[in-house]
C-alpha cells in the first residue's frame, strides 16, 4: 500500500481526483489477494482440450505477475523511484495485452 508520507504529499497538492484513484488502487489490491491461487491442479491426467487448460494456467500466471508488479509499484512509489514506477506500469500494460491476446484466441476457438 501507499505510505502515509506519499498520501500527505498528494493531499498537499490538493488533487481530490488523484486521492480517489489512490484509494481505488488500494481497494483493488485487496481484491487481487482474494483471487490469488498458488497452484493449479489439473482435473485430468491429459485434458481433452489443452487450450482451456493452458488458458487457465496462463491466467493464473498473469494474475501472479500482476500482483508482484503491483507490489513493486507500491514499493517504488513509497521510495520515490520514478524509473521503477514506469517499468512496473509498462509491464502491467504488457500483461494486460497478453490477456487480450488470450481472449482473442479463446473467442476464435469457442
N, C-alpha and C. Protein backbone atom coordinates (compact mmCIF):
# COMPACT_ATOMS: atom_id res chain seq x y z
N UNK A 1 0.82 -1.18 0.00
CA UNK A 1 0.00 0.00 0.00
C UNK A 1 0.87 1.25 0.00
N UNK A 2 0.25 2.36 -0.29
CA UNK A 2 0.98 3.62 -0.33
C UNK A 2 1.32 4.07 1.09
N UNK A 3 2.48 4.68 1.24
CA UNK A 3 2.89 5.15 2.56
C UNK A 3 2.12 6.42 2.92
N UNK A 4 2.08 6.68 4.20
CA UNK A 4 1.38 7.88 4.68
C UNK A 4 2.08 9.14 4.19
N UNK A 5 3.40 9.08 4.06
CA UNK A 5 4.15 10.24 3.56
C UNK A 5 3.75 10.59 2.14
N UNK A 6 3.59 9.57 1.31
CA UNK A 6 3.17 9.80 -0.07
C UNK A 6 1.75 10.37 -0.12
N UNK A 7 0.87 9.82 0.71
CA UNK A 7 -0.51 10.32 0.76
C UNK A 7 -0.56 11.77 1.23
N UNK A 8 0.31 12.12 2.19
CA UNK A 8 0.37 13.50 2.66
C UNK A 8 0.81 14.45 1.56
N UNK A 9 1.77 14.00 0.74
CA UNK A 9 2.24 14.83 -0.37
C UNK A 9 1.11 15.06 -1.36
N UNK A 10 0.38 13.99 -1.69
CA UNK A 10 -0.73 14.12 -2.65
C UNK A 10 -1.83 15.00 -2.09
N UNK A 11 -2.13 14.87 -0.80
CA UNK A 11 -3.13 15.74 -0.18
C UNK A 11 -2.67 17.19 -0.17
N UNK A 12 -1.38 17.41 -0.02
CA UNK A 12 -0.83 18.75 -0.06
C UNK A 12 -0.99 19.40 -1.42
N UNK A 13 -0.96 18.58 -2.46
CA UNK A 13 -1.18 19.10 -3.82
C UNK A 13 -2.62 19.58 -3.95
N UNK A 14 -3.53 18.89 -3.28
CA UNK A 14 -4.94 19.30 -3.31
C UNK A 14 -5.73 18.70 -4.45
N UNK A 15 -5.23 17.63 -5.04
CA UNK A 15 -5.94 16.99 -6.15
C UNK A 15 -6.82 15.87 -5.60
N UNK A 16 -8.13 16.14 -5.50
CA UNK A 16 -9.04 15.15 -4.92
C UNK A 16 -9.25 13.96 -5.85
N UNK A 17 -9.17 14.18 -7.17
CA UNK A 17 -9.33 13.07 -8.11
C UNK A 17 -8.19 12.07 -7.97
N UNK A 18 -6.99 12.58 -7.73
CA UNK A 18 -5.84 11.70 -7.53
C UNK A 18 -5.98 10.90 -6.25
N UNK A 19 -6.48 11.51 -5.20
CA UNK A 19 -6.70 10.79 -3.94
C UNK A 19 -7.75 9.69 -4.12
N UNK A 20 -8.78 9.96 -4.93
CA UNK A 20 -9.78 8.92 -5.20
C UNK A 20 -9.17 7.76 -5.96
N UNK A 21 -8.26 8.06 -6.90
CA UNK A 21 -7.59 6.99 -7.64
C UNK A 21 -6.70 6.17 -6.72
N UNK A 22 -6.04 6.82 -5.79
CA UNK A 22 -5.18 6.10 -4.84
C UNK A 22 -6.01 5.17 -3.98
N UNK A 23 -7.14 5.64 -3.49
CA UNK A 23 -7.99 4.76 -2.67
C UNK A 23 -8.57 3.62 -3.49
N UNK A 24 -8.87 3.87 -4.77
CA UNK A 24 -9.37 2.80 -5.65
C UNK A 24 -8.30 1.74 -5.86
N UNK A 25 -7.06 2.16 -6.07
CA UNK A 25 -5.96 1.22 -6.26
C UNK A 25 -5.78 0.36 -5.01
N UNK A 26 -5.89 0.97 -3.85
CA UNK A 26 -5.73 0.20 -2.60
C UNK A 26 -6.87 -0.78 -2.41
N UNK A 27 -8.10 -0.43 -2.82
CA UNK A 27 -9.22 -1.38 -2.74
C UNK A 27 -9.01 -2.55 -3.69
N UNK A 28 -8.52 -2.26 -4.90
CA UNK A 28 -8.29 -3.32 -5.88
C UNK A 28 -7.19 -4.27 -5.43
N UNK A 29 -6.23 -3.76 -4.67
CA UNK A 29 -5.16 -4.63 -4.15
C UNK A 29 -5.74 -5.74 -3.29
N UNK A 30 -6.72 -5.42 -2.46
CA UNK A 30 -7.32 -6.45 -1.61
C UNK A 30 -8.09 -7.46 -2.45
N UNK A 31 -8.72 -7.02 -3.54
CA UNK A 31 -9.42 -7.95 -4.43
C UNK A 31 -8.43 -8.88 -5.13
N UNK A 32 -7.26 -8.35 -5.46
CA UNK A 32 -6.21 -9.18 -6.07
C UNK A 32 -5.83 -10.32 -5.15
N UNK A 33 -5.65 -10.01 -3.88
CA UNK A 33 -5.23 -11.03 -2.92
C UNK A 33 -6.27 -12.14 -2.78
N UNK A 34 -7.53 -11.82 -2.90
CA UNK A 34 -8.60 -12.83 -2.78
C UNK A 34 -8.55 -13.80 -3.95
N UNK A 35 -8.22 -13.31 -5.13
CA UNK A 35 -8.24 -14.13 -6.35
C UNK A 35 -6.93 -14.87 -6.61
N UNK A 36 -5.99 -14.77 -5.72
CA UNK A 36 -4.67 -15.35 -5.92
C UNK A 36 -4.65 -16.82 -5.53
N UNK A 37 -4.24 -17.67 -6.48
CA UNK A 37 -4.07 -19.10 -6.21
C UNK A 37 -2.62 -19.46 -6.46
N UNK A 38 -2.04 -20.18 -5.54
CA UNK A 38 -0.63 -20.52 -5.67
C UNK A 38 -0.38 -21.72 -6.58
N UNK A 39 -1.40 -22.51 -6.80
CA UNK A 39 -1.15 -23.76 -7.51
C UNK A 39 -2.35 -24.15 -8.34
N UNK A 40 -2.08 -24.74 -9.51
CA UNK A 40 -3.13 -25.24 -10.39
C UNK A 40 -3.00 -26.75 -10.46
N UNK A 41 -4.07 -27.44 -10.12
CA UNK A 41 -4.07 -28.89 -10.22
C UNK A 41 -5.04 -29.30 -11.32
N UNK A 42 -4.52 -30.00 -12.31
CA UNK A 42 -5.35 -30.44 -13.42
C UNK A 42 -6.34 -31.50 -12.96
N UNK A 43 -7.54 -31.43 -13.47
CA UNK A 43 -8.56 -32.39 -13.09
C UNK A 43 -8.35 -33.75 -13.77
N UNK A 44 -7.68 -33.72 -14.91
CA UNK A 44 -7.44 -34.96 -15.65
C UNK A 44 -5.95 -35.10 -15.91
N UNK A 45 -5.54 -36.34 -16.19
CA UNK A 45 -4.14 -36.58 -16.49
C UNK A 45 -3.77 -35.91 -17.81
N UNK A 46 -4.61 -36.09 -18.83
CA UNK A 46 -4.40 -35.44 -20.12
C UNK A 46 -5.73 -34.81 -20.52
N UNK A 47 -5.89 -33.50 -20.31
CA UNK A 47 -7.16 -32.85 -20.62
C UNK A 47 -7.51 -32.97 -22.10
N UNK A 48 -8.81 -33.03 -22.37
CA UNK A 48 -9.27 -33.18 -23.74
C UNK A 48 -8.93 -31.95 -24.59
N UNK A 49 -9.13 -30.78 -24.01
CA UNK A 49 -8.82 -29.54 -24.72
C UNK A 49 -7.73 -28.79 -23.95
N UNK A 50 -6.56 -28.75 -24.55
CA UNK A 50 -5.44 -28.11 -23.89
C UNK A 50 -5.55 -26.59 -23.88
N UNK A 51 -6.31 -26.03 -24.83
CA UNK A 51 -6.44 -24.58 -24.87
C UNK A 51 -7.07 -24.05 -23.59
N UNK A 52 -8.12 -24.71 -23.13
CA UNK A 52 -8.76 -24.28 -21.88
C UNK A 52 -7.86 -24.47 -20.69
N UNK A 53 -7.17 -25.61 -20.63
CA UNK A 53 -6.27 -25.89 -19.51
C UNK A 53 -5.09 -24.93 -19.52
N UNK A 54 -4.46 -24.76 -20.67
CA UNK A 54 -3.33 -23.85 -20.77
C UNK A 54 -3.76 -22.39 -20.59
N UNK A 55 -4.98 -22.08 -21.03
CA UNK A 55 -5.51 -20.74 -20.81
C UNK A 55 -5.68 -20.43 -19.34
N UNK A 56 -6.18 -21.42 -18.60
CA UNK A 56 -6.33 -21.24 -17.15
C UNK A 56 -4.96 -21.07 -16.48
N UNK A 57 -4.00 -21.86 -16.91
CA UNK A 57 -2.65 -21.73 -16.35
C UNK A 57 -2.07 -20.36 -16.67
N UNK A 58 -2.29 -19.88 -17.89
CA UNK A 58 -1.79 -18.56 -18.26
C UNK A 58 -2.47 -17.47 -17.45
N UNK A 59 -3.77 -17.60 -17.23
CA UNK A 59 -4.49 -16.61 -16.42
C UNK A 59 -3.92 -16.53 -15.00
N UNK A 60 -3.64 -17.68 -14.42
CA UNK A 60 -3.09 -17.68 -13.06
C UNK A 60 -1.68 -17.09 -13.04
N UNK A 61 -0.89 -17.36 -14.09
CA UNK A 61 0.45 -16.77 -14.15
C UNK A 61 0.38 -15.26 -14.33
N UNK A 62 -0.57 -14.81 -15.16
CA UNK A 62 -0.73 -13.37 -15.36
C UNK A 62 -1.19 -12.68 -14.09
N UNK A 63 -2.07 -13.33 -13.35
CA UNK A 63 -2.54 -12.76 -12.09
C UNK A 63 -1.40 -12.67 -11.08
N UNK A 64 -0.57 -13.70 -11.04
CA UNK A 64 0.58 -13.70 -10.15
C UNK A 64 1.55 -12.58 -10.54
N UNK A 65 1.80 -12.46 -11.85
CA UNK A 65 2.69 -11.39 -12.32
C UNK A 65 2.11 -10.02 -11.98
N UNK A 66 0.82 -9.88 -12.15
CA UNK A 66 0.16 -8.62 -11.86
C UNK A 66 0.29 -8.24 -10.39
N UNK A 67 0.13 -9.22 -9.51
CA UNK A 67 0.26 -8.96 -8.08
C UNK A 67 1.68 -8.50 -7.74
N UNK A 68 2.67 -9.19 -8.29
CA UNK A 68 4.06 -8.82 -8.00
C UNK A 68 4.41 -7.45 -8.58
N UNK A 69 3.87 -7.14 -9.76
CA UNK A 69 4.10 -5.82 -10.34
C UNK A 69 3.46 -4.73 -9.50
N UNK A 70 2.27 -5.01 -8.99
CA UNK A 70 1.60 -4.02 -8.15
C UNK A 70 2.36 -3.79 -6.84
N UNK A 71 2.87 -4.87 -6.26
CA UNK A 71 3.67 -4.72 -5.04
C UNK A 71 4.95 -3.93 -5.32
N UNK A 72 5.58 -4.23 -6.47
CA UNK A 72 6.78 -3.47 -6.85
C UNK A 72 6.48 -2.01 -7.10
N UNK A 73 5.30 -1.75 -7.67
CA UNK A 73 4.89 -0.36 -7.90
C UNK A 73 4.72 0.37 -6.57
N UNK A 74 4.07 -0.27 -5.61
CA UNK A 74 3.89 0.35 -4.29
C UNK A 74 5.25 0.65 -3.65
N UNK A 75 6.17 -0.30 -3.72
CA UNK A 75 7.49 -0.08 -3.13
C UNK A 75 8.21 1.07 -3.83
N UNK A 76 8.09 1.13 -5.16
CA UNK A 76 8.77 2.20 -5.91
C UNK A 76 8.17 3.57 -5.60
N UNK A 77 6.84 3.63 -5.49
CA UNK A 77 6.21 4.91 -5.15
C UNK A 77 6.62 5.35 -3.76
N UNK A 78 6.62 4.44 -2.83
CA UNK A 78 6.98 4.79 -1.45
C UNK A 78 8.45 5.20 -1.31
N UNK A 79 9.31 4.69 -2.22
CA UNK A 79 10.73 5.08 -2.20
C UNK A 79 11.01 6.24 -3.17
N UNK A 80 9.95 6.79 -3.81
CA UNK A 80 10.08 7.90 -4.77
C UNK A 80 11.01 7.54 -5.92
N UNK A 81 10.88 6.32 -6.42
CA UNK A 81 11.71 5.82 -7.53
C UNK A 81 10.85 5.81 -8.80
N UNK A 82 10.91 6.88 -9.55
CA UNK A 82 10.03 7.01 -10.72
C UNK A 82 10.39 6.05 -11.84
N UNK A 83 11.66 5.69 -12.00
CA UNK A 83 12.04 4.77 -13.08
C UNK A 83 11.39 3.40 -12.91
N UNK A 84 11.43 2.89 -11.70
CA UNK A 84 10.83 1.59 -11.43
C UNK A 84 9.31 1.67 -11.55
N UNK A 85 8.73 2.81 -11.18
CA UNK A 85 7.28 3.00 -11.34
C UNK A 85 6.89 2.85 -12.80
N UNK A 86 7.64 3.54 -13.68
CA UNK A 86 7.33 3.46 -15.11
C UNK A 86 7.50 2.05 -15.64
N UNK A 87 8.54 1.34 -15.19
CA UNK A 87 8.76 -0.03 -15.64
C UNK A 87 7.63 -0.95 -15.19
N UNK A 88 7.16 -0.77 -13.96
CA UNK A 88 6.06 -1.59 -13.45
C UNK A 88 4.77 -1.32 -14.23
N UNK A 89 4.52 -0.06 -14.52
CA UNK A 89 3.31 0.27 -15.28
C UNK A 89 3.39 -0.30 -16.69
N UNK A 90 4.55 -0.19 -17.31
CA UNK A 90 4.70 -0.74 -18.66
C UNK A 90 4.52 -2.26 -18.67
N UNK A 91 5.12 -2.93 -17.71
CA UNK A 91 4.97 -4.38 -17.63
C UNK A 91 3.53 -4.77 -17.36
N UNK A 92 2.81 -3.94 -16.59
CA UNK A 92 1.40 -4.21 -16.33
C UNK A 92 0.59 -4.07 -17.62
N UNK A 93 0.92 -3.09 -18.44
CA UNK A 93 0.25 -2.96 -19.75
C UNK A 93 0.54 -4.18 -20.63
N UNK A 94 1.76 -4.68 -20.61
CA UNK A 94 2.10 -5.88 -21.38
C UNK A 94 1.32 -7.09 -20.88
N UNK A 95 1.14 -7.18 -19.58
CA UNK A 95 0.35 -8.26 -19.01
C UNK A 95 -1.10 -8.17 -19.48
N UNK A 96 -1.63 -6.95 -19.50
CA UNK A 96 -3.00 -6.75 -19.98
C UNK A 96 -3.10 -7.10 -21.46
N UNK A 97 -2.08 -6.77 -22.23
CA UNK A 97 -2.07 -7.13 -23.66
C UNK A 97 -2.06 -8.64 -23.87
N UNK A 98 -1.32 -9.35 -23.04
CA UNK A 98 -1.30 -10.81 -23.13
C UNK A 98 -2.68 -11.38 -22.82
N UNK A 99 -3.35 -10.80 -21.86
CA UNK A 99 -4.70 -11.23 -21.51
C UNK A 99 -5.66 -10.98 -22.68
N UNK A 100 -5.53 -9.84 -23.34
CA UNK A 100 -6.38 -9.54 -24.50
C UNK A 100 -6.10 -10.52 -25.64
N UNK A 101 -4.83 -10.88 -25.82
CA UNK A 101 -4.47 -11.85 -26.86
C UNK A 101 -5.09 -13.22 -26.56
N UNK A 102 -5.04 -13.63 -25.30
CA UNK A 102 -5.67 -14.90 -24.91
C UNK A 102 -7.17 -14.84 -25.17
N UNK A 103 -7.80 -13.74 -24.81
CA UNK A 103 -9.24 -13.59 -25.03
C UNK A 103 -9.58 -13.69 -26.52
N UNK A 104 -8.75 -13.09 -27.34
CA UNK A 104 -8.96 -13.16 -28.80
C UNK A 104 -8.96 -14.60 -29.27
N UNK A 105 -7.98 -15.38 -28.83
CA UNK A 105 -7.88 -16.76 -29.28
C UNK A 105 -8.97 -17.64 -28.71
N UNK A 106 -9.37 -17.38 -27.48
CA UNK A 106 -10.46 -18.16 -26.90
C UNK A 106 -11.78 -17.90 -27.61
N UNK A 107 -12.05 -16.64 -27.97
CA UNK A 107 -13.29 -16.34 -28.68
C UNK A 107 -13.27 -16.89 -30.09
N UNK A 108 -12.10 -16.98 -30.71
CA UNK A 108 -11.98 -17.59 -32.03
C UNK A 108 -12.24 -19.09 -31.97
N UNK A 109 -11.72 -19.72 -30.93
CA UNK A 109 -11.80 -21.17 -30.82
C UNK A 109 -13.18 -21.64 -30.38
N UNK A 110 -13.73 -21.00 -29.36
CA UNK A 110 -15.02 -21.44 -28.82
C UNK A 110 -16.08 -20.67 -29.48
